[in-house]
Amino acid sequence: MKKFVFSIVVILLTIVIIKNIYVSKKCTDINYAVENYFTTGIFNKYKIYNMEDVTLSFSDGKDAFMTVKGISNKTPHHKVEYTVFLEKDNNGSWKVKKVYSSEVTLQ
């Protein structure tokens, strides 16, 4: 029984590590990094149901600001807008460092 549990734990740990490496490699594309951040995660308070517009405001190759517009994942699904600050790490992957919330009125 101990071998079975140990095997399951090792397999799950391997899957998690492979997934993290895969996402890290895919995050070399800034658009994928932003989309992945805003559309995944169980406890993500900035989760977006549908991304309508993603605009690059500023980038110097190491730092970037992007504006993201979409529909909130929480009911009643209001329109939301965020300004995102991203940094590129040593591996060339983009990481979200700060999210600034903007108020959006219904149109």
N, C-alpha and C. Protein backbone atom coordinates (compact mmCIF):
# COMPACT_ATOMS: atom_id res chain seq x y z
N MET A 1 0.82 -1.20 0.00
CA MET A 1 0.00 0.00 0.00
C MET A 1 0.87 1.26 0.00
N LYS A 2 1.99 1.23 0.75
CA LYS A 2 2.86 2.40 0.80
C LYS A 2 3.49 2.68 -0.56
N LYS A 3 3.83 1.62 -1.29
CA LYS A 3 4.42 1.80 -2.61
C LYS A 3 3.41 2.42 -3.57
N PHE A 4 2.17 2.02 -3.46
CA PHE A 4 1.12 2.56 -4.32
C PHE A 4 0.93 4.06 -4.07
N VAL A 5 0.82 4.45 -2.81
CA VAL A 5 0.64 5.87 -2.46
C VAL A 5 1.86 6.67 -2.90
N PHE A 6 3.04 6.13 -2.66
CA PHE A 6 4.27 6.81 -3.06
C PHE A 6 4.32 6.99 -4.58
N SER A 7 3.91 5.96 -5.32
CA SER A 7 3.89 6.04 -6.78
C SER A 7 2.93 7.11 -7.27
N ILE A 8 1.76 7.17 -6.67
CA ILE A 8 0.77 8.19 -7.04
C ILE A 8 1.31 9.59 -6.77
N VAL A 9 1.93 9.79 -5.61
CA VAL A 9 2.49 11.09 -5.26
C VAL A 9 3.59 11.49 -6.25
N VAL A 10 4.45 10.56 -6.59
CA VAL A 10 5.53 10.85 -7.54
C VAL A 10 4.96 11.20 -8.92
N ILE A 11 3.96 10.48 -9.36
CA ILE A 11 3.35 10.76 -10.66
C ILE A 11 2.69 12.13 -10.67
N LEU A 12 1.93 12.46 -9.63
CA LEU A 12 1.29 13.77 -9.56
C LEU A 12 2.31 14.90 -9.51
N LEU A 13 3.36 14.72 -8.73
CA LEU A 13 4.41 15.72 -8.64
C LEU A 13 5.10 15.92 -9.98
N THR A 14 5.34 14.85 -10.70
CA THR A 14 5.95 14.93 -12.02
C THR A 14 5.05 15.69 -12.99
N ILE A 15 3.76 15.43 -12.95
CA ILE A 15 2.81 16.12 -13.83
C ILE A 15 2.80 17.62 -13.53
N VAL A 16 2.79 17.99 -12.26
CA VAL A 16 2.78 19.40 -11.88
C VAL A 16 4.06 20.10 -12.34
N ILE A 17 5.19 19.45 -12.17
CA ILE A 17 6.47 20.05 -12.59
C ILE A 17 6.51 20.23 -14.11
N ILE A 18 6.08 19.22 -14.85
CA ILE A 18 6.07 19.32 -16.31
C ILE A 18 5.13 20.42 -16.77
N LYS A 19 3.97 20.55 -16.15
CA LYS A 19 3.01 21.60 -16.51
C LYS A 19 3.61 22.98 -16.26
N ASN A 20 4.28 23.16 -15.11
CA ASN A 20 4.89 24.46 -14.80
C ASN A 20 6.01 24.81 -15.78
N ILE A 21 6.80 23.84 -16.17
CA ILE A 21 7.86 24.09 -17.15
C ILE A 21 7.25 24.47 -18.50
N TYR A 22 6.19 23.77 -18.89
CA TYR A 22 5.52 24.06 -20.16
C TYR A 22 4.95 25.47 -20.18
N VAL A 23 4.26 25.87 -19.11
CA VAL A 23 3.68 27.21 -19.04
C VAL A 23 4.78 28.26 -19.02
N SER A 24 5.85 28.00 -18.31
CA SER A 24 6.97 28.95 -18.27
C SER A 24 7.56 29.16 -19.66
N LYS A 25 7.71 28.11 -20.43
CA LYS A 25 8.24 28.24 -21.79
C LYS A 25 7.26 28.98 -22.69
N LYS A 26 5.96 28.73 -22.53
CA LYS A 26 4.95 29.41 -23.34
C LYS A 26 4.84 30.89 -22.98
N CYS A 27 5.20 31.26 -21.75
CA CYS A 27 5.09 32.65 -21.29
C CYS A 27 6.18 33.54 -21.86
N THR A 28 7.02 33.03 -22.76
CA THR A 28 7.95 33.92 -23.44
C THR A 28 7.19 34.83 -24.40
N ASP A 29 5.97 34.44 -24.75
CA ASP A 29 5.06 35.29 -25.53
C ASP A 29 4.23 36.11 -24.54
N ILE A 30 4.33 37.42 -24.62
CA ILE A 30 3.68 38.30 -23.65
C ILE A 30 2.16 38.16 -23.69
N ASN A 31 1.59 37.96 -24.87
CA ASN A 31 0.14 37.80 -24.96
C ASN A 31 -0.33 36.53 -24.26
N TYR A 32 0.43 35.44 -24.41
CA TYR A 32 0.08 34.19 -23.73
C TYR A 32 0.19 34.36 -22.22
N ALA A 33 1.22 35.07 -21.76
CA ALA A 33 1.41 35.28 -20.32
C ALA A 33 0.22 36.02 -19.72
N VAL A 34 -0.25 37.06 -20.40
CA VAL A 34 -1.40 37.83 -19.89
C VAL A 34 -2.67 36.99 -19.96
N GLU A 35 -2.89 36.31 -21.07
CA GLU A 35 -4.09 35.47 -21.20
C GLU A 35 -4.11 34.36 -20.16
N ASN A 36 -2.98 33.73 -19.94
CA ASN A 36 -2.89 32.65 -18.96
C ASN A 36 -3.17 33.18 -17.55
N TYR A 37 -2.64 34.35 -17.23
CA TYR A 37 -2.83 34.92 -15.89
C TYR A 37 -4.31 35.25 -15.63
N PHE A 38 -4.97 35.84 -16.62
CA PHE A 38 -6.34 36.31 -16.41
C PHE A 38 -7.42 35.26 -16.65
N THR A 39 -7.09 34.12 -17.23
CA THR A 39 -8.13 33.12 -17.50
C THR A 39 -7.97 31.83 -16.71
N THR A 40 -6.92 31.71 -15.89
CA THR A 40 -6.72 30.49 -15.11
C THR A 40 -6.61 30.82 -13.63
N GLY A 41 -6.68 29.80 -12.82
CA GLY A 41 -6.50 29.96 -11.39
C GLY A 41 -7.82 29.87 -10.63
N ILE A 42 -7.80 29.12 -9.57
CA ILE A 42 -9.01 28.95 -8.76
C ILE A 42 -9.25 30.16 -7.87
N PHE A 43 -8.19 30.69 -7.28
CA PHE A 43 -8.33 31.79 -6.33
C PHE A 43 -7.92 33.13 -6.94
N ASN A 44 -7.95 33.27 -8.24
CA ASN A 44 -7.55 34.49 -8.93
C ASN A 44 -8.67 35.51 -8.87
N LYS A 45 -8.46 36.60 -8.13
CA LYS A 45 -9.52 37.61 -8.01
C LYS A 45 -9.65 38.47 -9.25
N TYR A 46 -8.69 38.39 -10.17
CA TYR A 46 -8.75 39.16 -11.42
C TYR A 46 -9.18 38.29 -12.60
N LYS A 47 -9.73 37.14 -12.34
CA LYS A 47 -10.09 36.20 -13.41
C LYS A 47 -11.15 36.81 -14.33
N ILE A 48 -10.93 36.64 -15.62
CA ILE A 48 -11.82 37.20 -16.64
C ILE A 48 -12.46 36.04 -17.40
N TYR A 49 -13.77 36.16 -17.59
CA TYR A 49 -14.52 35.13 -18.31
C TYR A 49 -14.23 35.20 -19.81
N ASN A 50 -14.20 36.41 -20.35
CA ASN A 50 -13.98 36.59 -21.78
C ASN A 50 -13.11 37.83 -21.98
N MET A 51 -11.94 37.65 -22.59
CA MET A 51 -11.05 38.78 -22.86
C MET A 51 -11.45 39.39 -24.19
N GLU A 52 -11.88 40.66 -24.15
CA GLU A 52 -12.32 41.34 -25.36
C GLU A 52 -11.19 42.08 -26.06
N ASP A 53 -10.30 42.71 -25.29
CA ASP A 53 -9.26 43.53 -25.88
C ASP A 53 -8.01 43.49 -25.01
N VAL A 54 -6.87 43.27 -25.63
CA VAL A 54 -5.58 43.30 -24.95
C VAL A 54 -4.69 44.25 -25.75
N THR A 55 -4.23 45.33 -25.09
CA THR A 55 -3.45 46.35 -25.77
C THR A 55 -2.13 46.56 -25.05
N LEU A 56 -1.05 46.56 -25.79
CA LEU A 56 0.26 46.86 -25.23
C LEU A 56 0.42 48.37 -25.16
N SER A 57 0.58 48.90 -23.95
CA SER A 57 0.72 50.34 -23.76
C SER A 57 2.18 50.78 -23.82
N PHE A 58 3.07 49.99 -23.22
CA PHE A 58 4.49 50.34 -23.18
C PHE A 58 5.31 49.06 -23.02
N SER A 59 6.45 49.02 -23.69
CA SER A 59 7.39 47.92 -23.49
C SER A 59 8.78 48.37 -23.90
N ASP A 60 9.77 48.05 -23.05
CA ASP A 60 11.16 48.32 -23.40
C ASP A 60 11.96 47.02 -23.52
N GLY A 61 11.28 45.90 -23.58
CA GLY A 61 11.94 44.62 -23.71
C GLY A 61 12.12 43.89 -22.39
N LYS A 62 12.16 44.63 -21.28
CA LYS A 62 12.28 44.00 -19.96
C LYS A 62 11.05 44.26 -19.10
N ASP A 63 10.43 45.40 -19.26
CA ASP A 63 9.21 45.78 -18.54
C ASP A 63 8.13 46.11 -19.56
N ALA A 64 6.88 45.89 -19.17
CA ALA A 64 5.78 46.19 -20.08
C ALA A 64 4.52 46.52 -19.29
N PHE A 65 3.70 47.39 -19.87
CA PHE A 65 2.37 47.69 -19.36
C PHE A 65 1.37 47.31 -20.44
N MET A 66 0.35 46.56 -20.05
CA MET A 66 -0.71 46.17 -20.98
C MET A 66 -2.06 46.51 -20.37
N THR A 67 -3.01 46.83 -21.23
CA THR A 67 -4.38 47.07 -20.81
C THR A 67 -5.23 45.90 -21.27
N VAL A 68 -6.01 45.35 -20.34
CA VAL A 68 -6.84 44.18 -20.62
C VAL A 68 -8.29 44.55 -20.33
N LYS A 69 -9.17 44.32 -21.30
CA LYS A 69 -10.60 44.56 -21.11
C LYS A 69 -11.32 43.24 -21.32
N GLY A 70 -12.36 43.04 -20.53
CA GLY A 70 -13.12 41.81 -20.67
C GLY A 70 -14.31 41.77 -19.75
N ILE A 71 -14.88 40.59 -19.62
CA ILE A 71 -16.06 40.38 -18.78
C ILE A 71 -15.63 39.61 -17.55
N SER A 72 -16.00 40.11 -16.39
CA SER A 72 -15.63 39.49 -15.12
C SER A 72 -16.18 38.08 -15.02
N ASN A 73 -15.42 37.21 -14.36
CA ASN A 73 -15.84 35.83 -14.18
C ASN A 73 -16.94 35.71 -13.12
N LYS A 74 -17.01 36.70 -12.23
CA LYS A 74 -18.01 36.68 -11.17
C LYS A 74 -19.34 37.22 -11.69
N THR A 75 -20.42 36.60 -11.26
CA THR A 75 -21.74 37.09 -11.65
C THR A 75 -21.97 38.44 -10.99
N PRO A 76 -22.59 39.37 -11.61
CA PRO A 76 -23.36 39.40 -12.85
C PRO A 76 -22.53 39.73 -14.09
N HIS A 77 -21.27 39.40 -14.13
CA HIS A 77 -20.40 39.52 -15.30
C HIS A 77 -20.31 40.95 -15.83
N HIS A 78 -19.84 41.86 -14.99
CA HIS A 78 -19.63 43.25 -15.40
C HIS A 78 -18.41 43.34 -16.30
N LYS A 79 -18.36 44.43 -17.09
CA LYS A 79 -17.17 44.70 -17.87
C LYS A 79 -16.09 45.22 -16.93
N VAL A 80 -14.88 44.73 -17.10
CA VAL A 80 -13.75 45.14 -16.27
C VAL A 80 -12.59 45.54 -17.16
N GLU A 81 -11.74 46.38 -16.60
CA GLU A 81 -10.53 46.80 -17.30
C GLU A 81 -9.38 46.82 -16.31
N TYR A 82 -8.26 46.22 -16.69
CA TYR A 82 -7.08 46.17 -15.84
C TYR A 82 -5.87 46.67 -16.61
N THR A 83 -4.98 47.35 -15.90
CA THR A 83 -3.67 47.67 -16.43
C THR A 83 -2.69 46.75 -15.72
N VAL A 84 -1.86 46.06 -16.48
CA VAL A 84 -1.00 45.02 -15.95
C VAL A 84 0.47 45.43 -16.15
N PHE A 85 1.26 45.29 -15.08
CA PHE A 85 2.70 45.51 -15.16
C PHE A 85 3.39 44.15 -15.21
N LEU A 86 4.18 43.92 -16.25
CA LEU A 86 4.89 42.66 -16.42
C LEU A 86 6.40 42.90 -16.47
N GLU A 87 7.14 41.91 -15.97
CA GLU A 87 8.60 41.94 -16.06
C GLU A 87 9.08 40.65 -16.73
N LYS A 88 10.14 40.77 -17.49
CA LYS A 88 10.74 39.60 -18.13
C LYS A 88 11.85 39.08 -17.22
N ASP A 89 11.81 37.78 -16.90
CA ASP A 89 12.84 37.20 -16.03
C ASP A 89 14.05 36.75 -16.85
N ASN A 90 15.03 36.16 -16.19
CA ASN A 90 16.27 35.74 -16.85
C ASN A 90 16.06 34.66 -17.89
N ASN A 91 14.98 33.88 -17.76
CA ASN A 91 14.68 32.81 -18.71
C ASN A 91 13.94 33.32 -19.94
N GLY A 92 13.57 34.61 -19.95
CA GLY A 92 12.83 35.18 -21.07
C GLY A 92 11.33 35.05 -20.93
N SER A 93 10.85 34.60 -19.78
CA SER A 93 9.41 34.47 -19.54
C SER A 93 8.87 35.75 -18.92
N TRP A 94 7.66 36.12 -19.33
CA TRP A 94 7.01 37.30 -18.76
C TRP A 94 6.25 36.90 -17.51
N LYS A 95 6.39 37.69 -16.45
CA LYS A 95 5.71 37.46 -15.18
C LYS A 95 4.89 38.69 -14.83
N VAL A 96 3.65 38.48 -14.42
CA VAL A 96 2.79 39.58 -13.97
C VAL A 96 3.25 39.99 -12.58
N LYS A 97 3.61 41.26 -12.43
CA LYS A 97 4.09 41.76 -11.14
C LYS A 97 3.02 42.55 -10.40
N LYS A 98 2.18 43.30 -11.13
CA LYS A 98 1.17 44.13 -10.46
C LYS A 98 -0.01 44.30 -11.41
N VAL A 99 -1.21 44.28 -10.84
CA VAL A 99 -2.44 44.50 -11.60
C VAL A 99 -3.14 45.71 -11.01
N TYR A 100 -3.45 46.68 -11.87
CA TYR A 100 -4.16 47.88 -11.45
C TYR A 100 -5.57 47.81 -12.01
N SER A 101 -6.55 47.94 -11.14
CA SER A 101 -7.95 47.85 -11.54
C SER A 101 -8.45 49.21 -12.01
N SER A 102 -9.29 49.22 -13.04
CA SER A 102 -9.91 50.43 -13.54
C SER A 102 -11.41 50.26 -13.50
N GLU A 103 -12.11 51.33 -13.22
CA GLU A 103 -13.57 51.28 -13.22
C GLU A 103 -14.08 51.43 -14.65
N VAL A 104 -15.02 50.61 -15.02
CA VAL A 104 -15.61 50.66 -16.35
C VAL A 104 -17.11 50.82 -16.20
N THR A 105 -17.67 51.77 -16.94
CA THR A 105 -19.12 51.96 -16.88
C THR A 105 -19.78 51.10 -17.95
N LEU A 106 -21.01 50.72 -17.69
CA LEU A 106 -21.76 49.93 -18.67
C LEU A 106 -22.11 50.79 -19.87
N GLN A 107 -22.02 50.20 -21.04
CA GLN A 107 -22.30 50.96 -22.26
C GLN A 107 -23.46 50.36 -22.99
